[in-house]
Amino acid sequence: EKNTVKNTYTTKMVLLDESGNKTSEICSSPL
């Protein structure tokens, strides 16, 4: 994700089951 105002990037991560349902919260990373 790019914040177009701050010009910063963040990588987002979430676990899904095979039906596409989220099994964890969406987490952020500077990686």
PDB file of all heavy atoms in Angstrom:
ATOM      1  N   GLU A   1       0.840  -1.190   0.000  1.00  0.00           N
ATOM      2  CA  GLU A   1       0.000   0.000   0.000  1.00  0.00           C
ATOM      3  C   GLU A   1       0.880   1.248   0.000  1.00  0.00           C
ATOM      4  O   GLU A   1       1.855   1.326   0.744  1.00  0.00           O
ATOM      5  CB  GLU A   1      -0.913   0.021   1.232  1.00  0.00           C
ATOM      6  CG  GLU A   1      -1.955  -1.088   1.221  1.00  0.00           C
ATOM      7  CD  GLU A   1      -2.937  -1.004   2.370  1.00  0.00           C
ATOM      8  OE1 GLU A   1      -2.771  -0.119   3.240  1.00  0.00           O
ATOM      9  OE2 GLU A   1      -3.866  -1.821   2.396  1.00  0.00           O
ATOM     10  N   LYS A   2       0.531   2.194  -0.825  1.00  0.00           N
ATOM     11  CA  LYS A   2       1.241   3.472  -0.872  1.00  0.00           C
ATOM     12  C   LYS A   2       0.336   4.579  -0.358  1.00  0.00           C
ATOM     13  O   LYS A   2      -0.799   4.732  -0.817  1.00  0.00           O
ATOM     14  CB  LYS A   2       1.681   3.806  -2.296  1.00  0.00           C
ATOM     15  CG  LYS A   2       2.419   5.143  -2.395  1.00  0.00           C
ATOM     16  CD  LYS A   2       2.810   5.473  -3.823  1.00  0.00           C
ATOM     17  CE  LYS A   2       3.517   6.817  -3.900  1.00  0.00           C
ATOM     18  NZ  LYS A   2       3.892   7.168  -5.293  1.00  0.00           N
ATOM     19  N   ASN A   3       0.826   5.325   0.632  1.00  0.00           N
ATOM     20  CA  ASN A   3       0.152   6.526   1.097  1.00  0.00           C
ATOM     21  C   ASN A   3       0.579   7.662   0.183  1.00  0.00           C
ATOM     22  O   ASN A   3       1.737   8.094   0.215  1.00  0.00           O
ATOM     23  CB  ASN A   3       0.513   6.833   2.547  1.00  0.00           C
ATOM     24  CG  ASN A   3      -0.275   7.997   3.115  1.00  0.00           C
ATOM     25  OD1 ASN A   3      -0.328   9.069   2.519  1.00  0.00           O
ATOM     26  ND2 ASN A   3      -0.880   7.784   4.279  1.00  0.00           N
ATOM     27  N   THR A   4      -0.323   8.128  -0.678  1.00  0.00           N
ATOM     28  CA  THR A   4       0.047   9.099  -1.701  1.00  0.00           C
ATOM     29  C   THR A   4       0.299  10.497  -1.143  1.00  0.00           C
ATOM     30  O   THR A   4       0.864  11.347  -1.838  1.00  0.00           O
ATOM     31  CB  THR A   4      -1.044   9.169  -2.781  1.00  0.00           C
ATOM     32  OG1 THR A   4      -2.295   9.513  -2.174  1.00  0.00           O
ATOM     33  CG2 THR A   4      -1.186   7.829  -3.492  1.00  0.00           C
ATOM     34  N   VAL A   5      -0.096  10.734   0.092  1.00  0.00           N
ATOM     35  CA  VAL A   5       0.171  12.024   0.732  1.00  0.00           C
ATOM     36  C   VAL A   5       1.552  12.026   1.383  1.00  0.00           C
ATOM     37  O   VAL A   5       2.368  12.935   1.185  1.00  0.00           O
ATOM     38  CB  VAL A   5      -0.907  12.347   1.783  1.00  0.00           C
ATOM     39  CG1 VAL A   5      -0.568  13.649   2.514  1.00  0.00           C
ATOM     40  CG2 VAL A   5      -2.277  12.460   1.119  1.00  0.00           C
ATOM     41  N   LYS A   6       1.833  10.979   2.158  1.00  0.00           N
ATOM     42  CA  LYS A   6       3.109  10.881   2.869  1.00  0.00           C
ATOM     43  C   LYS A   6       4.222  10.262   2.021  1.00  0.00           C
ATOM     44  O   LYS A   6       5.383  10.286   2.411  1.00  0.00           O
ATOM     45  CB  LYS A   6       2.928  10.059   4.143  1.00  0.00           C
ATOM     46  CG  LYS A   6       1.959  10.677   5.138  1.00  0.00           C
ATOM     47  CD  LYS A   6       1.821   9.803   6.374  1.00  0.00           C
ATOM     48  CE  LYS A   6       0.863  10.400   7.377  1.00  0.00           C
ATOM     49  NZ  LYS A   6       0.725   9.541   8.580  1.00  0.00           N
ATOM     50  N   ASN A   7       3.858   9.688   0.875  1.00  0.00           N
ATOM     51  CA  ASN A   7       4.809   9.026  -0.002  1.00  0.00           C
ATOM     52  C   ASN A   7       5.547   7.893   0.722  1.00  0.00           C
ATOM     53  O   ASN A   7       6.769   7.748   0.627  1.00  0.00           O
ATOM     54  CB  ASN A   7       5.823  10.022  -0.580  1.00  0.00           C
ATOM     55  CG  ASN A   7       6.536   9.468  -1.806  1.00  0.00           C
ATOM     56  OD1 ASN A   7       5.947   8.709  -2.587  1.00  0.00           O
ATOM     57  ND2 ASN A   7       7.798   9.829  -1.971  1.00  0.00           N
ATOM     58  N   THR A   8       4.790   7.082   1.459  1.00  0.00           N
ATOM     59  CA  THR A   8       5.355   5.941   2.171  1.00  0.00           C
ATOM     60  C   THR A   8       4.690   4.658   1.702  1.00  0.00           C
ATOM     61  O   THR A   8       3.547   4.666   1.247  1.00  0.00           O
ATOM     62  CB  THR A   8       5.163   6.076   3.691  1.00  0.00           C
ATOM     63  OG1 THR A   8       3.767   6.220   3.974  1.00  0.00           O
ATOM     64  CG2 THR A   8       5.936   7.256   4.242  1.00  0.00           C
ATOM     65  N   TYR A   9       5.426   3.567   1.850  1.00  0.00           N
ATOM     66  CA  TYR A   9       4.932   2.246   1.469  1.00  0.00           C
ATOM     67  C   TYR A   9       4.836   1.345   2.687  1.00  0.00           C
ATOM     68  O   TYR A   9       5.683   1.399   3.581  1.00  0.00           O
ATOM     69  CB  TYR A   9       5.869   1.594   0.452  1.00  0.00           C
ATOM     70  CG  TYR A   9       5.761   2.147  -0.939  1.00  0.00           C
ATOM     71  CD1 TYR A   9       6.400   3.330  -1.291  1.00  0.00           C
ATOM     72  CD2 TYR A   9       5.021   1.489  -1.915  1.00  0.00           C
ATOM     73  CE1 TYR A   9       6.320   3.834  -2.579  1.00  0.00           C
ATOM     74  CE2 TYR A   9       4.922   1.982  -3.205  1.00  0.00           C
ATOM     75  CZ  TYR A   9       5.579   3.156  -3.532  1.00  0.00           C
ATOM     76  OH  TYR A   9       5.485   3.655  -4.806  1.00  0.00           O
ATOM     77  N   THR A  10       3.821   0.514   2.707  1.00  0.00           N
ATOM     78  CA  THR A  10       3.639  -0.482   3.760  1.00  0.00           C
ATOM     79  C   THR A  10       3.235  -1.806   3.111  1.00  0.00           C
ATOM     80  O   THR A  10       2.448  -1.819   2.172  1.00  0.00           O
ATOM     81  CB  THR A  10       2.536  -0.055   4.751  1.00  0.00           C
ATOM     82  OG1 THR A  10       2.842   1.223   5.281  1.00  0.00           O
ATOM     83  CG2 THR A  10       2.432  -1.053   5.899  1.00  0.00           C
ATOM     84  N   THR A  11       3.783  -2.903   3.606  1.00  0.00           N
ATOM     85  CA  THR A  11       3.360  -4.221   3.167  1.00  0.00           C
ATOM     86  C   THR A  11       2.310  -4.754   4.137  1.00  0.00           C
ATOM     87  O   THR A  11       2.497  -4.702   5.344  1.00  0.00           O
ATOM     88  CB  THR A  11       4.547  -5.193   3.104  1.00  0.00           C
ATOM     89  OG1 THR A  11       5.445  -4.757   2.072  1.00  0.00           O
ATOM     90  CG2 THR A  11       4.084  -6.608   2.777  1.00  0.00           C
ATOM     91  N   LYS A  12       1.204  -5.236   3.607  1.00  0.00           N
ATOM     92  CA  LYS A  12       0.115  -5.768   4.415  1.00  0.00           C
ATOM     93  C   LYS A  12       0.081  -7.298   4.293  1.00  0.00           C
ATOM     94  O   LYS A  12       0.413  -7.857   3.241  1.00  0.00           O
ATOM     95  CB  LYS A  12      -1.230  -5.194   3.963  1.00  0.00           C
ATOM     96  CG  LYS A  12      -1.337  -3.676   4.120  1.00  0.00           C
ATOM     97  CD  LYS A  12      -1.454  -3.271   5.576  1.00  0.00           C
ATOM     98  CE  LYS A  12      -1.741  -1.779   5.705  1.00  0.00           C
ATOM     99  NZ  LYS A  12      -1.994  -1.381   7.089  1.00  0.00           N
ATOM    100  N   MET A  13      -0.346  -7.947   5.374  1.00  0.00           N
ATOM    101  CA  MET A  13      -0.360  -9.403   5.431  1.00  0.00           C
ATOM    102  C   MET A  13      -1.601  -9.890   6.160  1.00  0.00           C
ATOM    103  O   MET A  13      -1.991  -9.311   7.167  1.00  0.00           O
ATOM    104  CB  MET A  13       0.874  -9.910   6.187  1.00  0.00           C
ATOM    105  CG  MET A  13       2.186  -9.341   5.721  1.00  0.00           C
ATOM    106  SD  MET A  13       3.550  -9.884   6.780  1.00  0.00           S
ATOM    107  CE  MET A  13       4.924  -9.082   5.945  1.00  0.00           C
ATOM    108  N   VAL A  14      -2.197 -10.976   5.670  1.00  0.00           N
ATOM    109  CA  VAL A  14      -3.345 -11.575   6.352  1.00  0.00           C
ATOM    110  C   VAL A  14      -3.413 -13.053   5.980  1.00  0.00           C
ATOM    111  O   VAL A  14      -3.058 -13.444   4.863  1.00  0.00           O
ATOM    112  CB  VAL A  14      -4.661 -10.853   5.981  1.00  0.00           C
ATOM    113  CG1 VAL A  14      -5.009 -11.066   4.515  1.00  0.00           C
ATOM    114  CG2 VAL A  14      -5.802 -11.284   6.884  1.00  0.00           C
ATOM    115  N   LEU A  15      -3.845 -13.884   6.919  1.00  0.00           N
ATOM    116  CA  LEU A  15      -4.046 -15.301   6.656  1.00  0.00           C
ATOM    117  C   LEU A  15      -5.475 -15.533   6.154  1.00  0.00           C
ATOM    118  O   LEU A  15      -6.420 -14.914   6.653  1.00  0.00           O
ATOM    119  CB  LEU A  15      -3.805 -16.127   7.921  1.00  0.00           C
ATOM    120  CG  LEU A  15      -2.360 -16.234   8.411  1.00  0.00           C
ATOM    121  CD1 LEU A  15      -2.309 -16.982   9.742  1.00  0.00           C
ATOM    122  CD2 LEU A  15      -1.480 -16.929   7.390  1.00  0.00           C
ATOM    123  N   LEU A  16      -5.607 -16.428   5.192  1.00  0.00           N
ATOM    124  CA  LEU A  16      -6.910 -16.781   4.631  1.00  0.00           C
ATOM    125  C   LEU A  16      -7.084 -18.291   4.661  1.00  0.00           C
ATOM    126  O   LEU A  16      -6.110 -19.043   4.544  1.00  0.00           O
ATOM    127  CB  LEU A  16      -7.027 -16.319   3.171  1.00  0.00           C
ATOM    128  CG  LEU A  16      -6.774 -14.849   2.837  1.00  0.00           C
ATOM    129  CD1 LEU A  16      -6.832 -14.663   1.329  1.00  0.00           C
ATOM    130  CD2 LEU A  16      -7.791 -13.954   3.522  1.00  0.00           C
ATOM    131  N   ASP A  17      -8.334 -18.747   4.811  1.00  0.00           N
ATOM    132  CA  ASP A  17      -8.594 -20.169   4.581  1.00  0.00           C
ATOM    133  C   ASP A  17      -8.833 -20.367   3.092  1.00  0.00           C
ATOM    134  O   ASP A  17      -8.807 -19.408   2.307  1.00  0.00           O
ATOM    135  CB  ASP A  17      -9.762 -20.670   5.439  1.00  0.00           C
ATOM    136  CG  ASP A  17     -11.090 -19.997   5.126  1.00  0.00           C
ATOM    137  OD1 ASP A  17     -11.244 -19.438   4.019  1.00  0.00           O
ATOM    138  OD2 ASP A  17     -11.990 -20.021   5.991  1.00  0.00           O
ATOM    139  N   GLU A  18      -9.069 -21.604   2.653  1.00  0.00           N
ATOM    140  CA  GLU A  18      -9.171 -21.840   1.218  1.00  0.00           C
ATOM    141  C   GLU A  18     -10.490 -21.350   0.619  1.00  0.00           C
ATOM    142  O   GLU A  18     -10.676 -21.402  -0.592  1.00  0.00           O
ATOM    143  CB  GLU A  18      -8.945 -23.318   0.891  1.00  0.00           C
ATOM    144  CG  GLU A  18      -9.972 -24.279   1.428  1.00  0.00           C
ATOM    145  CD  GLU A  18      -9.781 -25.697   0.878  1.00  0.00           C
ATOM    146  OE1 GLU A  18      -9.238 -25.853  -0.220  1.00  0.00           O
ATOM    147  OE2 GLU A  18     -10.192 -26.642   1.583  1.00  0.00           O
ATOM    148  N   SER A  19     -11.380 -20.843   1.480  1.00  0.00           N
ATOM    149  CA  SER A  19     -12.606 -20.216   0.996  1.00  0.00           C
ATOM    150  C   SER A  19     -12.461 -18.700   0.882  1.00  0.00           C
ATOM    151  O   SER A  19     -13.420 -17.998   0.568  1.00  0.00           O
ATOM    152  CB  SER A  19     -13.778 -20.557   1.925  1.00  0.00           C
ATOM    153  OG  SER A  19     -14.036 -21.945   1.921  1.00  0.00           O
ATOM    154  N   GLY A  20     -11.251 -18.209   1.179  1.00  0.00           N
ATOM    155  CA  GLY A  20     -10.988 -16.783   1.074  1.00  0.00           C
ATOM    156  C   GLY A  20     -11.394 -15.981   2.294  1.00  0.00           C
ATOM    157  O   GLY A  20     -11.387 -14.751   2.256  1.00  0.00           O
ATOM    158  N   ASN A  21     -11.736 -16.662   3.397  1.00  0.00           N
ATOM    159  CA  ASN A  21     -12.110 -15.965   4.625  1.00  0.00           C
ATOM    160  C   ASN A  21     -10.860 -15.619   5.434  1.00  0.00           C
ATOM    161  O   ASN A  21      -9.934 -16.433   5.529  1.00  0.00           O
ATOM    162  CB  ASN A  21     -13.032 -16.837   5.475  1.00  0.00           C
ATOM    163  CG  ASN A  21     -14.307 -17.197   4.748  1.00  0.00           C
ATOM    164  OD1 ASN A  21     -14.972 -16.323   4.190  1.00  0.00           O
ATOM    165  ND2 ASN A  21     -14.657 -18.472   4.733  1.00  0.00           N
ATOM    166  N   LYS A  22     -10.853 -14.452   6.028  1.00  0.00           N
ATOM    167  CA  LYS A  22      -9.712 -14.048   6.859  1.00  0.00           C
ATOM    168  C   LYS A  22      -9.690 -14.857   8.149  1.00  0.00           C
ATOM    169  O   LYS A  22     -10.705 -14.984   8.827  1.00  0.00           O
ATOM    170  CB  LYS A  22      -9.804 -12.550   7.172  1.00  0.00           C
ATOM    171  CG  LYS A  22      -9.542 -11.653   5.977  1.00  0.00           C
ATOM    172  CD  LYS A  22      -9.568 -10.179   6.333  1.00  0.00           C
ATOM    173  CE  LYS A  22     -10.990  -9.695   6.535  1.00  0.00           C
ATOM    174  NZ  LYS A  22     -11.063  -8.221   6.706  1.00  0.00           N
ATOM    175  N   THR A  23      -8.529 -15.406   8.490  1.00  0.00           N
ATOM    176  CA  THR A  23      -8.360 -16.149   9.736  1.00  0.00           C
ATOM    177  C   THR A  23      -7.398 -15.446  10.678  1.00  0.00           C
ATOM    178  O   THR A  23      -7.006 -16.000  11.699  1.00  0.00           O
ATOM    179  CB  THR A  23      -7.870 -17.583   9.464  1.00  0.00           C
ATOM    180  OG1 THR A  23      -6.613 -17.531   8.780  1.00  0.00           O
ATOM    181  CG2 THR A  23      -8.874 -18.350   8.613  1.00  0.00           C
ATOM    182  N   SER A  24      -6.985 -14.239  10.325  1.00  0.00           N
ATOM    183  CA  SER A  24      -6.165 -13.407  11.205  1.00  0.00           C
ATOM    184  C   SER A  24      -6.505 -11.956  10.917  1.00  0.00           C
ATOM    185  O   SER A  24      -7.197 -11.646   9.937  1.00  0.00           O
ATOM    186  CB  SER A  24      -4.665 -13.653  10.971  1.00  0.00           C
ATOM    187  OG  SER A  24      -4.232 -13.036   9.766  1.00  0.00           O
ATOM    188  N   GLU A  25      -6.029 -11.074  11.764  1.00  0.00           N
ATOM    189  CA  GLU A  25      -6.171  -9.655  11.492  1.00  0.00           C
ATOM    190  C   GLU A  25      -5.199  -9.249  10.384  1.00  0.00           C
ATOM    191  O   GLU A  25      -4.179  -9.905  10.160  1.00  0.00           O
ATOM    192  CB  GLU A  25      -5.876  -8.844  12.759  1.00  0.00           C
ATOM    193  CG  GLU A  25      -6.868  -9.060  13.887  1.00  0.00           C
ATOM    194  CD  GLU A  25      -6.542  -8.213  15.108  1.00  0.00           C
ATOM    195  OE1 GLU A  25      -5.497  -7.520  15.075  1.00  0.00           O
ATOM    196  OE2 GLU A  25      -7.308  -8.242  16.077  1.00  0.00           O
ATOM    197  N   ILE A  26      -5.508  -8.161   9.672  1.00  0.00           N
ATOM    198  CA  ILE A  26      -4.579  -7.615   8.687  1.00  0.00           C
ATOM    199  C   ILE A  26      -3.450  -6.916   9.434  1.00  0.00           C
ATOM    200  O   ILE A  26      -3.695  -6.052  10.273  1.00  0.00           O
ATOM    201  CB  ILE A  26      -5.282  -6.639   7.727  1.00  0.00           C
ATOM    202  CG1 ILE A  26      -6.338  -7.373   6.896  1.00  0.00           C
ATOM    203  CG2 ILE A  26      -4.268  -5.956   6.816  1.00  0.00           C
ATOM    204  CD1 ILE A  26      -7.140  -6.470   5.977  1.00  0.00           C
ATOM    205  N   CYS A  27      -2.218  -7.311   9.161  1.00  0.00           N
ATOM    206  CA  CYS A  27      -1.056  -6.755   9.848  1.00  0.00           C
ATOM    207  C   CYS A  27      -0.195  -5.968   8.875  1.00  0.00           C
ATOM    208  O   CYS A  27      -0.214  -6.211   7.675  1.00  0.00           O
ATOM    209  CB  CYS A  27      -0.234  -7.869  10.498  1.00  0.00           C
ATOM    210  SG  CYS A  27      -1.150  -8.804  11.737  1.00  0.00           S
ATOM    211  N   SER A  28       0.574  -5.033   9.415  1.00  0.00           N
ATOM    212  CA  SER A  28       1.415  -4.152   8.609  1.00  0.00           C
ATOM    213  C   SER A  28       2.883  -4.437   8.852  1.00  0.00           C
ATOM    214  O   SER A  28       3.278  -4.857   9.941  1.00  0.00           O
ATOM    215  CB  SER A  28       1.130  -2.684   8.953  1.00  0.00           C
ATOM    216  OG  SER A  28      -0.219  -2.366   8.733  1.00  0.00           O
ATOM    217  N   SER A  29       3.700  -4.183   7.848  1.00  0.00           N
ATOM    218  CA  SER A  29       5.132  -4.414   7.961  1.00  0.00           C
ATOM    219  C   SER A  29       5.894  -3.387   7.151  1.00  0.00           C
ATOM    220  O   SER A  29       5.459  -2.996   6.061  1.00  0.00           O
ATOM    221  CB  SER A  29       5.493  -5.816   7.461  1.00  0.00           C
ATOM    222  OG  SER A  29       6.892  -5.953   7.337  1.00  0.00           O
ATOM    223  N   PRO A  30       7.053  -2.943   7.644  1.00  0.00           N
ATOM    224  CA  PRO A  30       7.906  -2.054   6.851  1.00  0.00           C
ATOM    225  C   PRO A  30       8.718  -2.810   5.813  1.00  0.00           C
ATOM    226  O   PRO A  30       9.400  -2.206   4.998  1.00  0.00           O
ATOM    227  CB  PRO A  30       8.822  -1.426   7.907  1.00  0.00           C
ATOM    228  CG  PRO A  30       8.951  -2.490   8.952  1.00  0.00           C
ATOM    229  CD  PRO A  30       7.597  -3.173   8.992  1.00  0.00           C
ATOM    230  N   LEU A  31       8.644  -4.147   5.807  1.00  0.00           N
ATOM    231  CA  LEU A  31       9.435  -4.936   4.876  1.00  0.00           C
ATOM    232  C   LEU A  31       8.935  -4.748   3.455  1.00  0.00           C
ATOM    233  O   LEU A  31       7.741  -4.656   3.206  1.00  0.00           O
ATOM    234  CB  LEU A  31       9.361  -6.412   5.262  1.00  0.00           C
ATOM    235  CG  LEU A  31       9.782  -6.748   6.697  1.00  0.00           C
ATOM    236  CD1 LEU A  31       9.562  -8.220   6.986  1.00  0.00           C
ATOM    237  CD2 LEU A  31      11.242  -6.378   6.917  1.00  0.00           C
TER     238      LEU A  31
END
